[in-house]
Protein backbone atom coordinates (compact mmCIF):
# COMPACT_ATOMS: atom_id res chain seq x y z
CA UNK A 1 -44.33 0.75 -38.29
CA UNK A 2 -45.03 2.11 -34.84
CA UNK A 3 -45.74 4.95 -34.74
CA UNK A 4 -47.15 4.91 -38.26
CA UNK A 5 -46.06 8.38 -39.36
CA UNK A 6 -43.08 10.30 -40.72
CA UNK A 7 -43.85 13.24 -38.43
CA UNK A 8 -43.64 14.17 -34.77
CA UNK A 9 -46.79 15.82 -33.36
CA UNK A 10 -45.96 18.80 -31.15
CA UNK A 11 -48.11 17.22 -28.41
CA UNK A 12 -46.08 14.02 -28.63
CA UNK A 13 -47.66 10.67 -29.48
CA UNK A 14 -50.93 11.19 -27.68
CA UNK A 15 -54.11 9.29 -26.91
CA UNK A 16 -56.68 11.00 -29.12
CA UNK A 17 -59.46 9.87 -26.77
CA UNK A 18 -58.00 11.66 -23.74
CA UNK A 19 -60.05 14.63 -22.55
CA UNK A 20 -57.04 16.94 -22.22
CA UNK A 21 -55.95 16.13 -25.78
CA UNK A 22 -59.45 16.68 -27.17
CA UNK A 23 -59.65 20.09 -25.49
CA UNK A 24 -56.28 21.07 -26.95
CA UNK A 25 -57.36 19.86 -30.38
CA UNK A 26 -60.62 21.80 -30.25
CA UNK A 27 -58.71 24.93 -29.25
CA UNK A 28 -56.28 24.43 -32.12
CA UNK A 29 -59.04 23.93 -34.66
CA UNK A 30 -60.89 27.00 -33.43
CA UNK A 31 -57.67 29.00 -33.75
CA UNK A 32 -57.58 27.90 -37.39
CA UNK A 33 -61.19 28.99 -37.95
CA UNK A 34 -62.44 25.41 -38.10
CA UNK A 35 -65.99 25.17 -36.77
CA UNK A 36 -66.76 21.45 -37.05
CA UNK A 37 -64.71 18.29 -36.61
CA UNK A 38 -65.55 15.17 -38.62
CA UNK A 39 -64.53 12.08 -36.68
CA UNK A 40 -64.07 8.65 -38.32
CA UNK A 41 -66.80 6.21 -37.29
CA UNK A 42 -66.63 2.49 -38.02
CA UNK A 43 -69.87 1.41 -36.39
CA UNK A 44 -71.57 0.60 -33.10
CA UNK A 45 -69.22 -0.72 -30.45
CA UNK A 46 -66.01 0.00 -32.35
CA UNK A 47 -63.07 1.89 -30.88
CA UNK A 48 -64.05 4.94 -32.92
CA UNK A 49 -67.57 4.77 -31.48
CA UNK A 50 -66.26 4.61 -27.92
CA UNK A 51 -64.49 7.94 -28.37
CA UNK A 52 -67.52 9.95 -29.44
CA UNK A 53 -68.90 10.58 -25.93
CA UNK A 54 -65.55 12.05 -24.88
CA UNK A 55 -65.41 14.25 -27.99
CA UNK A 56 -68.83 15.67 -27.21
CA UNK A 57 -68.27 16.00 -23.46
CA UNK A 58 -64.96 17.82 -23.87
CA UNK A 59 -66.49 20.27 -26.35
CA UNK A 60 -69.43 21.21 -24.13
CA UNK A 61 -69.92 24.92 -23.63
CA UNK A 62 -68.01 25.91 -26.77
CA UNK A 63 -69.29 26.81 -30.24
CA UNK A 64 -67.38 23.89 -31.76
CA UNK A 65 -69.35 20.94 -33.13
CA UNK A 66 -68.68 17.34 -34.11
CA UNK A 67 -70.12 15.01 -36.69
CA UNK A 68 -69.19 11.53 -37.88
CA UNK A 69 -67.62 10.09 -41.01
CA UNK A 70 -69.38 6.82 -41.85
CA UNK A 71 -66.45 4.69 -43.00
CA UNK A 72 -68.10 1.30 -43.59
CA UNK A 73 -69.38 2.35 -47.00
CA UNK A 74 -65.76 2.19 -48.17
CA UNK A 75 -65.55 -1.50 -47.23
CA UNK A 76 -68.56 -2.71 -49.19
CA UNK A 77 -72.26 -1.96 -49.48
CA UNK A 78 -74.04 -1.85 -46.11
CA UNK A 79 -77.64 -3.01 -46.39
CA UNK A 80 -80.63 -0.70 -46.04
CA UNK A 81 -81.33 -2.25 -42.64
CA UNK A 82 -77.74 -1.69 -41.48
CA UNK A 83 -77.64 1.94 -42.60
CA UNK A 84 -81.03 2.69 -41.04
CA UNK A 85 -79.99 1.01 -37.80
CA UNK A 86 -76.73 2.97 -37.68
CA UNK A 87 -78.47 6.26 -38.40
CA UNK A 88 -81.04 5.63 -35.67
CA UNK A 89 -78.20 4.78 -33.28
CA UNK A 90 -76.36 8.02 -34.09
CA UNK A 91 -79.62 9.98 -33.76
CA UNK A 92 -80.64 8.41 -30.46
CA UNK A 93 -77.17 8.22 -28.88
CA UNK A 94 -75.38 11.37 -30.01
CA UNK A 95 -77.40 13.75 -32.16
CA UNK A 96 -79.36 15.36 -29.33
CA UNK A 97 -76.11 16.48 -27.69
CA UNK A 98 -75.65 20.26 -28.14
CA UNK A 99 -72.10 19.63 -29.43
CA UNK A 100 -73.30 17.46 -32.32
CA UNK A 101 -73.48 19.26 -35.68
CA UNK A 102 -76.95 19.96 -37.05
CA UNK A 103 -78.19 21.91 -40.07
CA UNK A 104 -81.75 23.23 -39.92
CA UNK A 105 -82.41 20.85 -37.05
CA UNK A 106 -81.16 17.77 -38.93
CA UNK A 107 -78.17 15.84 -37.59
CA UNK A 108 -75.32 15.68 -40.08
CA UNK A 109 -73.46 12.54 -41.19
CA UNK A 110 -70.68 12.43 -43.80
CA UNK A 111 -70.33 9.19 -45.76
CA UNK A 112 -67.24 7.76 -47.43
CA UNK A 113 -67.45 5.70 -50.64
CA UNK A 114 -65.37 3.17 -52.54
CA UNK A 115 -64.29 3.34 -56.15
CA UNK A 116 -67.16 1.15 -57.32
CA UNK A 117 -69.93 3.24 -55.76
CA UNK A 118 -72.37 4.99 -58.08
CA UNK A 119 -76.02 6.10 -58.16
CA UNK A 120 -77.18 2.86 -56.53
CA UNK A 121 -75.30 3.91 -53.40
CA UNK A 122 -77.08 7.27 -53.33
CA UNK A 123 -80.40 5.49 -53.76
CA UNK A 124 -79.59 3.05 -50.95
CA UNK A 125 -78.82 5.89 -48.55
CA UNK A 126 -81.95 7.81 -49.53
CA UNK A 127 -84.14 4.78 -48.85
CA UNK A 128 -82.41 3.97 -45.55
CA UNK A 129 -82.72 7.58 -44.39
CA UNK A 130 -86.45 7.71 -45.09
CA UNK A 131 -88.24 8.66 -41.89
CA UNK A 132 -84.97 9.43 -40.11
CA UNK A 133 -84.21 12.65 -41.99
CA UNK A 134 -80.49 12.86 -41.29
CA UNK A 135 -78.55 15.47 -43.27
CA UNK A 136 -76.45 13.10 -45.38
CA UNK A 137 -73.33 14.32 -47.17
CA UNK A 138 -72.09 11.65 -49.57
CA UNK A 139 -68.65 11.36 -51.16
CA UNK A 140 -68.73 12.19 -54.86
CA UNK A 141 -68.27 9.72 -57.71
CA UNK A 142 -68.34 10.12 -61.47
CA UNK A 143 -71.78 11.29 -62.62
CA UNK A 144 -73.13 11.97 -59.13
CA UNK A 145 -75.06 15.05 -60.18
CA UNK A 146 -77.26 13.01 -62.53
CA UNK A 147 -78.38 10.48 -59.91
CA UNK A 148 -82.16 10.37 -59.33
CA UNK A 149 -81.61 10.21 -55.57
CA UNK A 150 -79.77 13.23 -54.22
CA UNK A 151 -78.51 13.60 -50.64
CA UNK A 152 -78.43 16.90 -48.75
CA UNK A 153 -74.83 17.48 -49.80
CA UNK A 154 -71.76 16.13 -51.56
CA UNK A 155 -68.06 16.24 -50.73
CA UNK A 156 -64.78 14.91 -52.03
CA UNK A 157 -62.16 13.18 -49.91
CA UNK A 158 -58.97 13.12 -51.97
CA UNK A 159 -56.13 14.57 -49.88
CA UNK A 160 -53.48 13.62 -52.43
CA UNK A 161 -54.93 16.53 -54.43
CA UNK A 162 -54.11 20.06 -53.20
CA UNK A 163 -57.61 21.43 -53.83
CA UNK A 164 -60.92 20.07 -55.06
CA UNK A 165 -64.03 22.07 -55.94
CA UNK A 166 -67.51 20.59 -56.15
CA UNK A 167 -69.40 23.78 -57.10
CA UNK A 168 -72.48 24.40 -55.03
CA UNK A 169 -71.55 21.72 -52.53
CA UNK A 170 -68.01 21.77 -51.17
CA UNK A 171 -64.39 22.83 -51.53
CA UNK A 172 -61.63 20.71 -49.99
CA UNK A 173 -57.95 21.46 -49.48
CA UNK A 174 -54.99 19.36 -48.30
CA UNK A 175 -51.61 20.47 -46.91
CA UNK A 176 -49.86 17.39 -48.33
CA UNK A 177 -50.00 13.61 -48.54
CA UNK A 178 -46.94 11.65 -47.38
CA UNK A 179 -47.96 8.18 -46.25
CA UNK A 180 -45.72 6.61 -43.66
CA UNK A 181 -44.91 3.45 -45.65
CA UNK A 182 -44.39 5.16 -49.02
CA UNK A 183 -40.99 6.41 -50.15
CA UNK A 184 -42.13 9.70 -51.67
CA UNK A 185 -45.06 12.04 -50.99
CA UNK A 186 -48.06 11.92 -53.30
CA UNK A 187 -48.52 15.63 -52.56
CA UNK A 188 -45.51 17.59 -51.28
CA UNK A 189 -46.01 20.21 -48.59
CA UNK A 190 -45.69 23.84 -49.69
CA UNK A 191 -46.85 26.64 -47.39
CA UNK A 192 -47.16 29.18 -50.20
CA UNK A 193 -49.34 26.79 -52.19
CA UNK A 194 -51.33 26.05 -49.04
CA UNK A 195 -51.94 29.76 -48.44
CA UNK A 196 -53.28 30.15 -51.98
CA UNK A 197 -55.50 27.10 -51.51
CA UNK A 198 -56.94 28.64 -48.34
CA UNK A 199 -57.67 31.92 -50.12
CA UNK A 200 -59.30 30.08 -53.04
CA UNK A 201 -61.42 27.98 -50.70
CA UNK A 202 -62.71 31.03 -48.85
CA UNK A 203 -63.38 32.86 -52.12
CA UNK A 204 -65.40 29.88 -53.38
CA UNK A 205 -68.15 30.51 -50.83
CA UNK A 206 -68.81 26.76 -50.82
CA UNK A 207 -71.33 25.56 -48.22
CA UNK A 208 -68.76 23.06 -46.89
CA UNK A 209 -65.15 24.28 -46.79
CA UNK A 210 -63.14 21.24 -45.80
CA UNK A 211 -59.60 20.71 -44.55
CA UNK A 212 -58.27 17.18 -45.09
CA UNK A 213 -57.05 16.64 -42.49
CA UNK A 214 -56.51 17.90 -38.97
CA UNK A 215 -54.58 14.90 -37.67
CA UNK A 216 -54.41 11.93 -40.03
CA UNK A 217 -50.75 11.30 -39.17
CA UNK A 218 -50.45 7.98 -41.00
CA UNK A 219 -51.15 9.55 -44.39
CA UNK A 220 -49.21 12.68 -43.50
CA UNK A 221 -52.12 15.01 -44.22
CA UNK A 222 -52.21 16.72 -40.82
CA UNK A 223 -52.44 20.46 -40.23
CA UNK A 224 -52.07 19.98 -36.47
CA UNK A 225 -48.75 21.32 -35.20
CA UNK A 226 -45.70 19.08 -35.62
CA UNK A 227 -42.06 19.66 -34.85
CA UNK A 228 -41.49 19.82 -38.63
CA UNK A 229 -43.71 22.94 -38.96
CA UNK A 230 -43.89 24.31 -35.43
CA UNK A 231 -44.44 28.07 -35.11
CA UNK A 232 -44.26 30.85 -32.53
CA UNK A 233 -48.04 30.73 -32.02
CA UNK A 234 -47.79 27.16 -30.78
CA UNK A 235 -50.37 26.03 -33.32
CA UNK A 236 -48.06 25.32 -36.24
CA UNK A 237 -47.57 26.97 -39.63
CA UNK A 238 -50.57 25.40 -41.38
CA UNK A 239 -53.08 26.48 -38.75
CA UNK A 240 -51.40 29.91 -38.69
CA UNK A 241 -52.24 30.28 -42.37
CA UNK A 242 -55.84 29.26 -41.73
CA UNK A 243 -55.97 31.69 -38.79
CA UNK A 244 -54.94 34.49 -41.16
CA UNK A 245 -57.41 33.33 -43.84
CA UNK A 246 -54.51 32.57 -46.16
CA UNK A 247 -52.95 36.04 -45.82
């Protein structure tokens, strides 16, 4: 399918690496109260890597920040050497940029995981991060709290679920999940339900309050404006709800 989506973005089918698009996206996210964007990253020299300089450059001068979502962990088990090399690359290439997200001076990296990952994955990342001191936020798995090696934070990425709470770590919400090549949505869109999810997320006080996603059009999880939920504000109904804190 091309384009791989059931929806029509209000901006049209854009180049997400274009500076004008990035600036519009940052403005839209800030309207929705979103402070940090998490951009997919598949490794050094990939297409996703080539877009990071433009993300940072087109955010300069604003309070908005970017970090990266390390996707390769979902495709297998990167070695200690590979993880360490990638973290050093992110640190040396991007993390000193004022628009890169840091917590207490440490550059932040979110990490995906596959269904087979367990405590050994957390241990691998802890060892690889030794001496680099990145603020690593791993994706949860069953029994993660009991692992001997603990990262700086944990999150869930499961946008087919309306809301997910990981107490003390994160709270994630999704507007819906309607993948382009699937006949029926895994999670149907409902603005009233979304508004309640937003209120619950804010009330949770979780350190990371996550929206999945801003513009994953293929899986139909976007909150970015589309013709299907366009609004008078120009930002779309889902960002309007975020703008009003769910009210």
